[in-house]
C-alpha cells in the first residue's frame, strides 16, 4: 500500500525548551519523540514511503496569521512561528534530507492551506502515518482531516507528544476510533 510518513511541527518554537510556545518540549524530550521519528523515517526509507515534514508558521509580516485565534492570535506579539526566523527551523536532532517534502502550514491541520493533498495524490498515497506535536492539536486535526479525505490513518503514538501524558493518552484514545494506533517499531510490519 502506498504510504506517506508525515512528521508534524518538530520545530524549535514548539520542541525546544527555549521555544516561544514550547508547552510540549518537556514531554517531547522525555518521550524521545525525535529519536523515534528518526527511526520511523529509516523504516520509511527502507520501505520506499514518501516522507513529509510539516511545520506551522506564518509568512513575514504575519499577513496569514488568524488574529482572532486563541491559539495563534498573539504569535506576532512575541515573534513566534515566524517562517523567516529560527523558531520554525526543524529540531536540531531531526534527520532532514533532500528527499523530504517540506510543507509550511498556516493553521493546525497539515492539509489546511497547503499543498499536502496534491503531494499525496501525485504519489498515489493511500495511507498516512502521522507523528508529531502536539497530539491534541496537529496530530489529531491532521488525522481527522486525512480520515475525511479517505486515507487510511496510522498514528505512531510513541513519536507524538502533548503538554501532558494525560492529554496525549486522551487524544490517542479518541483517535483510535478513526486510526490504527501503533508504535514506530511496529511500522516495519505494516502491510
Foldseek 3Di string as FASTA:
>chain_A
DAEEEEEEAQFQLQAPPPHVNPLWNVVCVVLVLLVQVQLLVVLCVVVVHAYEYEHEAAEPPRPLFPLVDPVGNCCVVPVHRYPVDRRRDHDPSHDDDPRYHYWYDHAQERPPPICVVVVCVVSVAQAYEYAYPALQTNVLRNLVVCLVVRHAYEYQLSSHTYSDPVSSVVSVVVSVVRHHYHHSVCPSVDD
